[in-house]
Amino acid sequence: MALQRICFRSELVPGSWKRIDEPPVAVFDVAGELYAIKDVCTHEYARLSDGEVDGETVVCPWHGACFSLSTGEALSPPAVDPVETFAVVVKDGDVYVDLD
């Protein structure tokens, strides 16, 4: 496992998110469930964490493409390719993503 620390678990509350720049990864807290995705729209380079979250869906702030936070699937055009998802690990009060 290649774990990358994101933040303290206490920093993520339902409806919030944290991101890191290298690699571009965002972790979203949806009703207490944590989801991690590559923080780049597959249509054009936009930070998905700058978009709106509606349930388990994130909307790209540039062109409105929607992605599933749980599977990465592109749910609406103009995106057709999924975003990469990562397993989230909470250990000793810290949130990590598994980059493998």
PDB file of N, CA and C in Angstrom:
ATOM      1  N   MET A   1       0.841  -1.186   0.000  1.00  0.00           N
ATOM      2  CA  MET A   1       0.000   0.000   0.000  1.00  0.00           C
ATOM      3  C   MET A   1       0.882   1.243   0.000  1.00  0.00           C
ATOM      4  N   ALA A   2       0.521   2.194  -0.846  1.00  0.00           N
ATOM      5  CA  ALA A   2       1.193   3.488  -0.876  1.00  0.00           C
ATOM      6  C   ALA A   2       0.234   4.518  -0.292  1.00  0.00           C
ATOM      7  N   LEU A   3       0.303   4.706   1.025  1.00  0.00           N
ATOM      8  CA  LEU A   3      -0.624   5.609   1.690  1.00  0.00           C
ATOM      9  C   LEU A   3      -0.132   7.047   1.632  1.00  0.00           C
ATOM     10  N   GLN A   4      -1.054   7.949   1.297  1.00  0.00           N
ATOM     11  CA  GLN A   4      -0.780   9.387   1.280  1.00  0.00           C
ATOM     12  C   GLN A   4      -1.692  10.032   2.319  1.00  0.00           C
ATOM     13  N   ARG A   5      -1.082  10.716   3.287  1.00  0.00           N
ATOM     14  CA  ARG A   5      -1.887  11.376   4.320  1.00  0.00           C
ATOM     15  C   ARG A   5      -2.605  12.583   3.713  1.00  0.00           C
ATOM     16  N   ILE A   6      -3.879  12.736   4.088  1.00  0.00           N
ATOM     17  CA  ILE A   6      -4.680  13.856   3.614  1.00  0.00           C
ATOM     18  C   ILE A   6      -4.910  14.879   4.720  1.00  0.00           C
ATOM     19  N   CYS A   7      -5.390  14.412   5.884  1.00  0.00           N
ATOM     20  CA  CYS A   7      -5.717  15.334   6.968  1.00  0.00           C
ATOM     21  C   CYS A   7      -6.043  14.540   8.229  1.00  0.00           C
ATOM     22  N   PHE A   8      -6.355  15.258   9.303  1.00  0.00           N
ATOM     23  CA  PHE A   8      -6.896  14.627  10.499  1.00  0.00           C
ATOM     24  C   PHE A   8      -8.351  14.268  10.220  1.00  0.00           C
ATOM     25  N   ARG A   9      -8.826  13.156  10.754  1.00  0.00           N
ATOM     26  CA  ARG A   9     -10.230  12.762  10.546  1.00  0.00           C
ATOM     27  C   ARG A   9     -11.166  13.840  11.083  1.00  0.00           C
ATOM     28  N   SER A  10     -10.778  14.483  12.169  1.00  0.00           N
ATOM     29  CA  SER A  10     -11.624  15.516  12.784  1.00  0.00           C
ATOM     30  C   SER A  10     -11.810  16.741  11.885  1.00  0.00           C
ATOM     31  N   GLU A  11     -10.963  16.903  10.875  1.00  0.00           N
ATOM     32  CA  GLU A  11     -11.098  18.035   9.951  1.00  0.00           C
ATOM     33  C   GLU A  11     -12.190  17.812   8.911  1.00  0.00           C
ATOM     34  N   LEU A  12     -12.633  16.571   8.751  1.00  0.00           N
ATOM     35  CA  LEU A  12     -13.673  16.258   7.770  1.00  0.00           C
ATOM     36  C   LEU A  12     -14.989  16.011   8.497  1.00  0.00           C
ATOM     37  N   VAL A  13     -15.951  16.843   8.224  1.00  0.00           N
ATOM     38  CA  VAL A  13     -17.288  16.667   8.759  1.00  0.00           C
ATOM     39  C   VAL A  13     -18.221  16.453   7.575  1.00  0.00           C
ATOM     40  N   PRO A  14     -19.387  15.848   7.802  1.00  0.00           N
ATOM     41  CA  PRO A  14     -20.299  15.631   6.680  1.00  0.00           C
ATOM     42  C   PRO A  14     -20.524  16.910   5.857  1.00  0.00           C
ATOM     43  N   GLY A  15     -20.386  16.766   4.556  1.00  0.00           N
ATOM     44  CA  GLY A  15     -20.549  17.892   3.650  1.00  0.00           C
ATOM     45  C   GLY A  15     -19.263  18.640   3.340  1.00  0.00           C
ATOM     46  N   SER A  16     -18.157  18.206   3.923  1.00  0.00           N
ATOM     47  CA  SER A  16     -16.885  18.901   3.683  1.00  0.00           C
ATOM     48  C   SER A  16     -15.952  18.042   2.845  1.00  0.00           C
ATOM     49  N   TRP A  17     -14.833  18.619   2.469  1.00  0.00           N
ATOM     50  CA  TRP A  17     -13.829  17.909   1.691  1.00  0.00           C
ATOM     51  C   TRP A  17     -12.458  18.488   2.006  1.00  0.00           C
ATOM     52  N   LYS A  18     -11.446  17.697   1.713  1.00  0.00           N
ATOM     53  CA  LYS A  18     -10.045  18.137   1.810  1.00  0.00           C
ATOM     54  C   LYS A  18      -9.344  17.682   0.545  1.00  0.00           C
ATOM     55  N   ARG A  19      -8.371  18.451   0.093  1.00  0.00           N
ATOM     56  CA  ARG A  19      -7.630  18.061  -1.098  1.00  0.00           C
ATOM     57  C   ARG A  19      -6.145  18.307  -0.891  1.00  0.00           C
ATOM     58  N   ILE A  20      -5.377  17.579  -1.681  1.00  0.00           N
ATOM     59  CA  ILE A  20      -3.942  17.806  -1.747  1.00  0.00           C
ATOM     60  C   ILE A  20      -3.604  18.054  -3.213  1.00  0.00           C
ATOM     61  N   ASP A  21      -2.484  18.704  -3.437  1.00  0.00           N
ATOM     62  CA  ASP A  21      -2.116  19.075  -4.802  1.00  0.00           C
ATOM     63  C   ASP A  21      -1.274  18.033  -5.519  1.00  0.00           C
ATOM     64  N   GLU A  22      -0.452  17.300  -4.782  1.00  0.00           N
ATOM     65  CA  GLU A  22       0.464  16.363  -5.435  1.00  0.00           C
ATOM     66  C   GLU A  22       0.449  15.026  -4.730  1.00  0.00           C
ATOM     67  N   PRO A  23      -0.157  14.028  -5.305  1.00  0.00           N
ATOM     68  CA  PRO A  23      -0.947  14.066  -6.532  1.00  0.00           C
ATOM     69  C   PRO A  23      -2.287  14.742  -6.262  1.00  0.00           C
ATOM     70  N   PRO A  24      -2.981  15.211  -7.295  1.00  0.00           N
ATOM     71  CA  PRO A  24      -4.262  15.881  -7.066  1.00  0.00           C
ATOM     72  C   PRO A  24      -5.348  14.883  -6.645  1.00  0.00           C
ATOM     73  N   VAL A  25      -5.635  14.878  -5.346  1.00  0.00           N
ATOM     74  CA  VAL A  25      -6.610  13.957  -4.761  1.00  0.00           C
ATOM     75  C   VAL A  25      -7.520  14.754  -3.837  1.00  0.00           C
ATOM     76  N   ALA A  26      -8.797  14.416  -3.850  1.00  0.00           N
ATOM     77  CA  ALA A  26      -9.745  15.022  -2.923  1.00  0.00           C
ATOM     78  C   ALA A  26     -10.497  13.929  -2.181  1.00  0.00           C
ATOM     79  N   VAL A  27     -10.734  14.179  -0.891  1.00  0.00           N
ATOM     80  CA  VAL A  27     -11.517  13.265  -0.062  1.00  0.00           C
ATOM     81  C   VAL A  27     -12.763  14.023   0.389  1.00  0.00           C
ATOM     82  N   PHE A  28     -13.913  13.420   0.147  1.00  0.00           N
ATOM     83  CA  PHE A  28     -15.204  14.018   0.471  1.00  0.00           C
ATOM     84  C   PHE A  28     -15.862  13.226   1.586  1.00  0.00           C
ATOM     85  N   ASP A  29     -16.480  13.930   2.529  1.00  0.00           N
ATOM     86  CA  ASP A  29     -17.274  13.287   3.576  1.00  0.00           C
ATOM     87  C   ASP A  29     -18.737  13.462   3.198  1.00  0.00           C
ATOM     88  N   VAL A  30     -19.383  12.359   2.852  1.00  0.00           N
ATOM     89  CA  VAL A  30     -20.801  12.365   2.499  1.00  0.00           C
ATOM     90  C   VAL A  30     -21.534  11.589   3.593  1.00  0.00           C
ATOM     91  N   ALA A  31     -22.203  12.315   4.469  1.00  0.00           N
ATOM     92  CA  ALA A  31     -22.964  11.703   5.568  1.00  0.00           C
ATOM     93  C   ALA A  31     -22.111  10.734   6.382  1.00  0.00           C
ATOM     94  N   GLY A  32     -20.844  11.101   6.619  1.00  0.00           N
ATOM     95  CA  GLY A  32     -19.951  10.277   7.420  1.00  0.00           C
ATOM     96  C   GLY A  32     -19.165   9.240   6.648  1.00  0.00           C
ATOM     97  N   GLU A  33     -19.505   9.016   5.389  1.00  0.00           N
ATOM     98  CA  GLU A  33     -18.782   8.081   4.523  1.00  0.00           C
ATOM     99  C   GLU A  33     -17.722   8.864   3.750  1.00  0.00           C
ATOM    100  N   LEU A  34     -16.493   8.336   3.691  1.00  0.00           N
ATOM    101  CA  LEU A  34     -15.403   9.024   3.003  1.00  0.00           C
ATOM    102  C   LEU A  34     -15.164   8.436   1.619  1.00  0.00           C
ATOM    103  N   TYR A  35     -15.020   9.325   0.633  1.00  0.00           N
ATOM    104  CA  TYR A  35     -14.763   8.945  -0.751  1.00  0.00           C
ATOM    105  C   TYR A  35     -13.553   9.732  -1.246  1.00  0.00           C
ATOM    106  N   ALA A  36     -12.662   9.064  -1.960  1.00  0.00           N
ATOM    107  CA  ALA A  36     -11.480   9.723  -2.505  1.00  0.00           C
ATOM    108  C   ALA A  36     -11.448   9.544  -4.015  1.00  0.00           C
ATOM    109  N   ILE A  37     -11.194  10.649  -4.722  1.00  0.00           N
ATOM    110  CA  ILE A  37     -11.096  10.622  -6.178  1.00  0.00           C
ATOM    111  C   ILE A  37      -9.907  11.454  -6.627  1.00  0.00           C
ATOM    112  N   LYS A  38      -9.452  11.189  -7.841  1.00  0.00           N
ATOM    113  CA  LYS A  38      -8.474  12.081  -8.462  1.00  0.00           C
ATOM    114  C   LYS A  38      -9.191  13.398  -8.684  1.00  0.00           C
ATOM    115  N   ASP A  39      -8.586  14.481  -8.272  1.00  0.00           N
ATOM    116  CA  ASP A  39      -9.243  15.786  -8.247  1.00  0.00           C
ATOM    117  C   ASP A  39      -9.082  16.530  -9.570  1.00  0.00           C
ATOM    118  N   VAL A  40      -9.318  15.811 -10.665  1.00  0.00           N
ATOM    119  CA  VAL A  40      -9.186  16.401 -12.003  1.00  0.00           C
ATOM    120  C   VAL A  40     -10.314  15.858 -12.877  1.00  0.00           C
ATOM    121  N   CYS A  41     -11.083  16.757 -13.476  1.00  0.00           N
ATOM    122  CA  CYS A  41     -12.134  16.343 -14.402  1.00  0.00           C
ATOM    123  C   CYS A  41     -11.491  15.674 -15.617  1.00  0.00           C
ATOM    124  N   THR A  42     -12.109  14.608 -16.097  1.00  0.00           N
ATOM    125  CA  THR A  42     -11.553  13.906 -17.254  1.00  0.00           C
ATOM    126  C   THR A  42     -11.917  14.572 -18.579  1.00  0.00           C
ATOM    127  N   HIS A  43     -12.777  15.562 -18.549  1.00  0.00           N
ATOM    128  CA  HIS A  43     -13.133  16.294 -19.770  1.00  0.00           C
ATOM    129  C   HIS A  43     -12.103  17.385 -20.041  1.00  0.00           C
ATOM    130  N   GLU A  44     -11.854  18.224 -19.050  1.00  0.00           N
ATOM    131  CA  GLU A  44     -10.816  19.250 -19.112  1.00  0.00           C
ATOM    132  C   GLU A  44     -10.266  19.388 -17.708  1.00  0.00           C
ATOM    133  N   TYR A  45      -9.086  19.989 -17.601  1.00  0.00           N
ATOM    134  CA  TYR A  45      -8.441  20.076 -16.287  1.00  0.00           C
ATOM    135  C   TYR A  45      -9.165  21.086 -15.407  1.00  0.00           C
ATOM    136  N   ALA A  46     -10.026  20.589 -14.560  1.00  0.00           N
ATOM    137  CA  ALA A  46     -10.704  21.405 -13.551  1.00  0.00           C
ATOM    138  C   ALA A  46     -10.650  20.651 -12.239  1.00  0.00           C
ATOM    139  N   ARG A  47     -10.521  21.369 -11.149  1.00  0.00           N
ATOM    140  CA  ARG A  47     -10.524  20.749  -9.820  1.00  0.00           C
ATOM    141  C   ARG A  47     -11.958  20.377  -9.467  1.00  0.00           C
ATOM    142  N   LEU A  48     -12.246  19.096  -9.385  1.00  0.00           N
ATOM    143  CA  LEU A  48     -13.593  18.661  -9.048  1.00  0.00           C
ATOM    144  C   LEU A  48     -13.995  19.101  -7.647  1.00  0.00           C
ATOM    145  N   SER A  49     -13.027  19.242  -6.765  1.00  0.00           N
ATOM    146  CA  SER A  49     -13.340  19.687  -5.403  1.00  0.00           C
ATOM    147  C   SER A  49     -13.854  21.124  -5.373  1.00  0.00           C
ATOM    148  N   ASP A  50     -13.704  21.865  -6.473  1.00  0.00           N
ATOM    149  CA  ASP A  50     -14.270  23.215  -6.564  1.00  0.00           C
ATOM    150  C   ASP A  50     -15.737  23.177  -7.004  1.00  0.00           C
ATOM    151  N   GLY A  51     -16.233  21.991  -7.364  1.00  0.00           N
ATOM    152  CA  GLY A  51     -17.612  21.843  -7.814  1.00  0.00           C
ATOM    153  C   GLY A  51     -18.554  21.569  -6.656  1.00  0.00           C
ATOM    154  N   GLU A  52     -19.828  21.438  -6.983  1.00  0.00           N
ATOM    155  CA  GLU A  52     -20.851  21.146  -5.983  1.00  0.00           C
ATOM    156  C   GLU A  52     -20.981  19.642  -5.791  1.00  0.00           C
ATOM    157  N   VAL A  53     -21.297  19.268  -4.560  1.00  0.00           N
ATOM    158  CA  VAL A  53     -21.546  17.867  -4.241  1.00  0.00           C
ATOM    159  C   VAL A  53     -23.036  17.712  -3.959  1.00  0.00           C
ATOM    160  N   ASP A  54     -23.638  16.725  -4.615  1.00  0.00           N
ATOM    161  CA  ASP A  54     -25.047  16.421  -4.414  1.00  0.00           C
ATOM    162  C   ASP A  54     -25.141  14.941  -4.094  1.00  0.00           C
ATOM    163  N   GLY A  55     -25.280  14.618  -2.829  1.00  0.00           N
ATOM    164  CA  GLY A  55     -25.259  13.219  -2.410  1.00  0.00           C
ATOM    165  C   GLY A  55     -23.899  12.626  -2.709  1.00  0.00           C
ATOM    166  N   GLU A  56     -23.865  11.532  -3.456  1.00  0.00           N
ATOM    167  CA  GLU A  56     -22.608  10.877  -3.808  1.00  0.00           C
ATOM    168  C   GLU A  56     -22.132  11.291  -5.197  1.00  0.00           C
ATOM    169  N   THR A  57     -22.537  12.468  -5.657  1.00  0.00           N
ATOM    170  CA  THR A  57     -22.168  12.975  -6.972  1.00  0.00           C
ATOM    171  C   THR A  57     -21.463  14.316  -6.837  1.00  0.00           C
ATOM    172  N   VAL A  58     -20.401  14.493  -7.618  1.00  0.00           N
ATOM    173  CA  VAL A  58     -19.732  15.787  -7.679  1.00  0.00           C
ATOM    174  C   VAL A  58     -19.910  16.328  -9.092  1.00  0.00           C
ATOM    175  N   VAL A  59     -20.140  17.649  -9.177  1.00  0.00           N
ATOM    176  CA  VAL A  59     -20.376  18.315 -10.457  1.00  0.00           C
ATOM    177  C   VAL A  59     -19.167  19.189 -10.782  1.00  0.00           C
ATOM    178  N   CYS A  60     -18.600  18.981 -11.964  1.00  0.00           N
ATOM    179  CA  CYS A  60     -17.449  19.773 -12.388  1.00  0.00           C
ATOM    180  C   CYS A  60     -17.848  21.249 -12.475  1.00  0.00           C
ATOM    181  N   PRO A  61     -17.022  22.130 -11.920  1.00  0.00           N
ATOM    182  CA  PRO A  61     -17.374  23.553 -11.917  1.00  0.00           C
ATOM    183  C   PRO A  61     -17.263  24.221 -13.285  1.00  0.00           C
ATOM    184  N   TRP A  62     -16.574  23.621 -14.237  1.00  0.00           N
ATOM    185  CA  TRP A  62     -16.390  24.262 -15.540  1.00  0.00           C
ATOM    186  C   TRP A  62     -17.509  23.973 -16.523  1.00  0.00           C
ATOM    187  N   HIS A  63     -17.833  22.709 -16.737  1.00  0.00           N
ATOM    188  CA  HIS A  63     -18.796  22.366 -17.784  1.00  0.00           C
ATOM    189  C   HIS A  63     -19.944  21.498 -17.293  1.00  0.00           C
ATOM    190  N   GLY A  64     -20.027  21.243 -15.997  1.00  0.00           N
ATOM    191  CA  GLY A  64     -21.173  20.555 -15.429  1.00  0.00           C
ATOM    192  C   GLY A  64     -21.194  19.044 -15.525  1.00  0.00           C
ATOM    193  N   ALA A  65     -20.099  18.425 -15.945  1.00  0.00           N
ATOM    194  CA  ALA A  65     -20.058  16.959 -15.955  1.00  0.00           C
ATOM    195  C   ALA A  65     -20.202  16.446 -14.524  1.00  0.00           C
ATOM    196  N   CYS A  66     -20.928  15.360 -14.367  1.00  0.00           N
ATOM    197  CA  CYS A  66     -21.152  14.771 -13.046  1.00  0.00           C
ATOM    198  C   CYS A  66     -20.403  13.448 -12.927  1.00  0.00           C
ATOM    199  N   PHE A  67     -19.872  13.202 -11.741  1.00  0.00           N
ATOM    200  CA  PHE A  67     -19.130  11.972 -11.468  1.00  0.00           C
ATOM    201  C   PHE A  67     -19.618  11.354 -10.177  1.00  0.00           C
ATOM    202  N   SER A  68     -19.658  10.029 -10.152  1.00  0.00           N
ATOM    203  CA  SER A  68     -19.975   9.293  -8.936  1.00  0.00           C
ATOM    204  C   SER A  68     -18.755   9.319  -8.024  1.00  0.00           C
ATOM    205  N   LEU A  69     -18.946   9.720  -6.772  1.00  0.00           N
ATOM    206  CA  LEU A  69     -17.831   9.711  -5.825  1.00  0.00           C
ATOM    207  C   LEU A  69     -17.463   8.286  -5.425  1.00  0.00           C
ATOM    208  N   SER A  70     -18.413   7.363  -5.465  1.00  0.00           N
ATOM    209  CA  SER A  70     -18.118   6.001  -5.035  1.00  0.00           C
ATOM    210  C   SER A  70     -17.451   5.158  -6.116  1.00  0.00           C
ATOM    211  N   THR A  71     -17.800   5.394  -7.388  1.00  0.00           N
ATOM    212  CA  THR A  71     -17.231   4.565  -8.459  1.00  0.00           C
ATOM    213  C   THR A  71     -16.337   5.330  -9.423  1.00  0.00           C
ATOM    214  N   GLY A  72     -16.447   6.664  -9.434  1.00  0.00           N
ATOM    215  CA  GLY A  72     -15.694   7.483 -10.378  1.00  0.00           C
ATOM    216  C   GLY A  72     -16.365   7.600 -11.733  1.00  0.00           C
ATOM    217  N   GLU A  73     -17.451   6.868 -11.948  1.00  0.00           N
ATOM    218  CA  GLU A  73     -18.134   6.853 -13.240  1.00  0.00           C
ATOM    219  C   GLU A  73     -18.565   8.254 -13.665  1.00  0.00           C
ATOM    220  N   ALA A  74     -18.349   8.563 -14.950  1.00  0.00           N
ATOM    221  CA  ALA A  74     -18.864   9.803 -15.531  1.00  0.00           C
ATOM    222  C   ALA A  74     -20.360   9.610 -15.742  1.00  0.00           C
ATOM    223  N   LEU A  75     -21.162  10.454 -15.122  1.00  0.00           N
ATOM    224  CA  LEU A  75     -22.609  10.285 -15.148  1.00  0.00           C
ATOM    225  C   LEU A  75     -23.303  11.178 -16.163  1.00  0.00           C
ATOM    226  N   SER A  76     -22.584  12.189 -16.669  1.00  0.00           N
ATOM    227  CA  SER A  76     -23.199  13.078 -17.658  1.00  0.00           C
ATOM    228  C   SER A  76     -22.115  13.724 -18.510  1.00  0.00           C
ATOM    229  N   PRO A  77     -22.487  14.087 -19.751  1.00  0.00           N
ATOM    230  CA  PRO A  77     -21.548  14.773 -20.631  1.00  0.00           C
ATOM    231  C   PRO A  77     -21.241  16.169 -20.082  1.00  0.00           C
ATOM    232  N   PRO A  78     -20.162  16.758 -20.485  1.00  0.00           N
ATOM    233  CA  PRO A  78     -19.317  16.341 -21.593  1.00  0.00           C
ATOM    234  C   PRO A  78     -18.280  15.278 -21.244  1.00  0.00           C
ATOM    235  N   ALA A  79     -18.159  14.885 -19.987  1.00  0.00           N
ATOM    236  CA  ALA A  79     -17.191  13.838 -19.621  1.00  0.00           C
ATOM    237  C   ALA A  79     -17.736  12.471 -20.003  1.00  0.00           C
ATOM    238  N   VAL A  80     -16.858  11.625 -20.502  1.00  0.00           N
ATOM    239  CA  VAL A  80     -17.233  10.243 -20.808  1.00  0.00           C
ATOM    240  C   VAL A  80     -16.340   9.251 -20.069  1.00  0.00           C
ATOM    241  N   ASP A  81     -15.143   9.676 -19.710  1.00  0.00           N
ATOM    242  CA  ASP A  81     -14.212   8.804 -18.994  1.00  0.00           C
ATOM    243  C   ASP A  81     -14.371   8.984 -17.489  1.00  0.00           C
ATOM    244  N   PRO A  82     -14.248   7.899 -16.728  1.00  0.00           N
ATOM    245  CA  PRO A  82     -14.363   8.003 -15.273  1.00  0.00           C
ATOM    246  C   PRO A  82     -13.137   8.667 -14.659  1.00  0.00           C
ATOM    247  N   VAL A  83     -13.311   9.162 -13.427  1.00  0.00           N
ATOM    248  CA  VAL A  83     -12.169   9.634 -12.652  1.00  0.00           C
ATOM    249  C   VAL A  83     -11.681   8.476 -11.805  1.00  0.00           C
ATOM    250  N   GLU A  84     -10.412   8.498 -11.503  1.00  0.00           N
ATOM    251  CA  GLU A  84      -9.830   7.450 -10.671  1.00  0.00           C
ATOM    252  C   GLU A  84     -10.329   7.602  -9.237  1.00  0.00           C
ATOM    253  N   THR A  85     -10.626   6.477  -8.599  1.00  0.00           N
ATOM    254  CA  THR A  85     -11.022   6.474  -7.196  1.00  0.00           C
ATOM    255  C   THR A  85      -9.937   5.780  -6.385  1.00  0.00           C
ATOM    256  N   PHE A  86      -9.919   6.076  -5.102  1.00  0.00           N
ATOM    257  CA  PHE A  86      -8.914   5.514  -4.203  1.00  0.00           C
ATOM    258  C   PHE A  86      -9.585   5.020  -2.934  1.00  0.00           C
ATOM    259  N   ALA A  87      -9.031   3.972  -2.362  1.00  0.00           N
ATOM    260  CA  ALA A  87      -9.490   3.498  -1.056  1.00  0.00           C
ATOM    261  C   ALA A  87      -9.061   4.501   0.009  1.00  0.00           C
ATOM    262  N   VAL A  88      -9.940   4.709   0.977  1.00  0.00           N
ATOM    263  CA  VAL A  88      -9.655   5.616   2.092  1.00  0.00           C
ATOM    264  C   VAL A  88      -9.366   4.778   3.326  1.00  0.00           C
ATOM    265  N   VAL A  89      -8.309   5.140   4.031  1.00  0.00           N
ATOM    266  CA  VAL A  89      -7.914   4.445   5.253  1.00  0.00           C
ATOM    267  C   VAL A  89      -7.866   5.472   6.375  1.00  0.00           C
ATOM    268  N   VAL A  90      -8.555   5.176   7.470  1.00  0.00           N
ATOM    269  CA  VAL A  90      -8.485   6.017   8.662  1.00  0.00           C
ATOM    270  C   VAL A  90      -7.668   5.253   9.690  1.00  0.00           C
ATOM    271  N   LYS A  91      -6.560   5.876  10.114  1.00  0.00           N
ATOM    272  CA  LYS A  91      -5.639   5.198  11.029  1.00  0.00           C
ATOM    273  C   LYS A  91      -5.114   6.209  12.037  1.00  0.00           C
ATOM    274  N   ASP A  92      -5.264   5.888  13.301  1.00  0.00           N
ATOM    275  CA  ASP A  92      -4.769   6.735  14.388  1.00  0.00           C
ATOM    276  C   ASP A  92      -5.235   8.182  14.254  1.00  0.00           C
ATOM    277  N   GLY A  93      -6.487   8.368  13.822  1.00  0.00           N
ATOM    278  CA  GLY A  93      -7.048   9.709  13.730  1.00  0.00           C
ATOM    279  C   GLY A  93      -6.690  10.480  12.480  1.00  0.00           C
ATOM    280  N   ASP A  94      -5.956   9.846  11.564  1.00  0.00           N
ATOM    281  CA  ASP A  94      -5.577  10.492  10.314  1.00  0.00           C
ATOM    282  C   ASP A  94      -6.290   9.825   9.145  1.00  0.00           C
ATOM    283  N   VAL A  95      -6.533  10.601   8.082  1.00  0.00           N
ATOM    284  CA  VAL A  95      -7.144  10.096   6.855  1.00  0.00           C
ATOM    285  C   VAL A  95      -6.064   9.948   5.803  1.00  0.00           C
ATOM    286  N   TYR A  96      -6.001   8.769   5.204  1.00  0.00           N
ATOM    287  CA  TYR A  96      -5.044   8.472   4.160  1.00  0.00           C
ATOM    288  C   TYR A  96      -5.802   7.959   2.930  1.00  0.00           C
ATOM    289  N   VAL A  97      -5.205   8.103   1.765  1.00  0.00           N
ATOM    290  CA  VAL A  97      -5.708   7.424   0.575  1.00  0.00           C
ATOM    291  C   VAL A  97      -4.624   6.452   0.110  1.00  0.00           C
ATOM    292  N   ASP A  98      -5.092   5.318  -0.400  1.00  0.00           N
ATOM    293  CA  ASP A  98      -4.188   4.301  -0.924  1.00  0.00           C
ATOM    294  C   ASP A  98      -3.997   4.560  -2.407  1.00  0.00           C
ATOM    295  N   LEU A  99      -2.830   4.987  -2.802  1.00  0.00           N
ATOM    296  CA  LEU A  99      -2.559   5.366  -4.192  1.00  0.00           C
ATOM    297  C   LEU A  99      -2.212   4.184  -5.087  1.00  0.00           C
ATOM    298  N   ASP A 100      -2.137   2.982  -4.533  1.00  0.00           N
ATOM    299  CA  ASP A 100      -1.868   1.787  -5.355  1.00  0.00           C
ATOM    300  C   ASP A 100      -3.081   1.372  -6.142  1.00  0.00           C
TER     301      ASP A 100
END
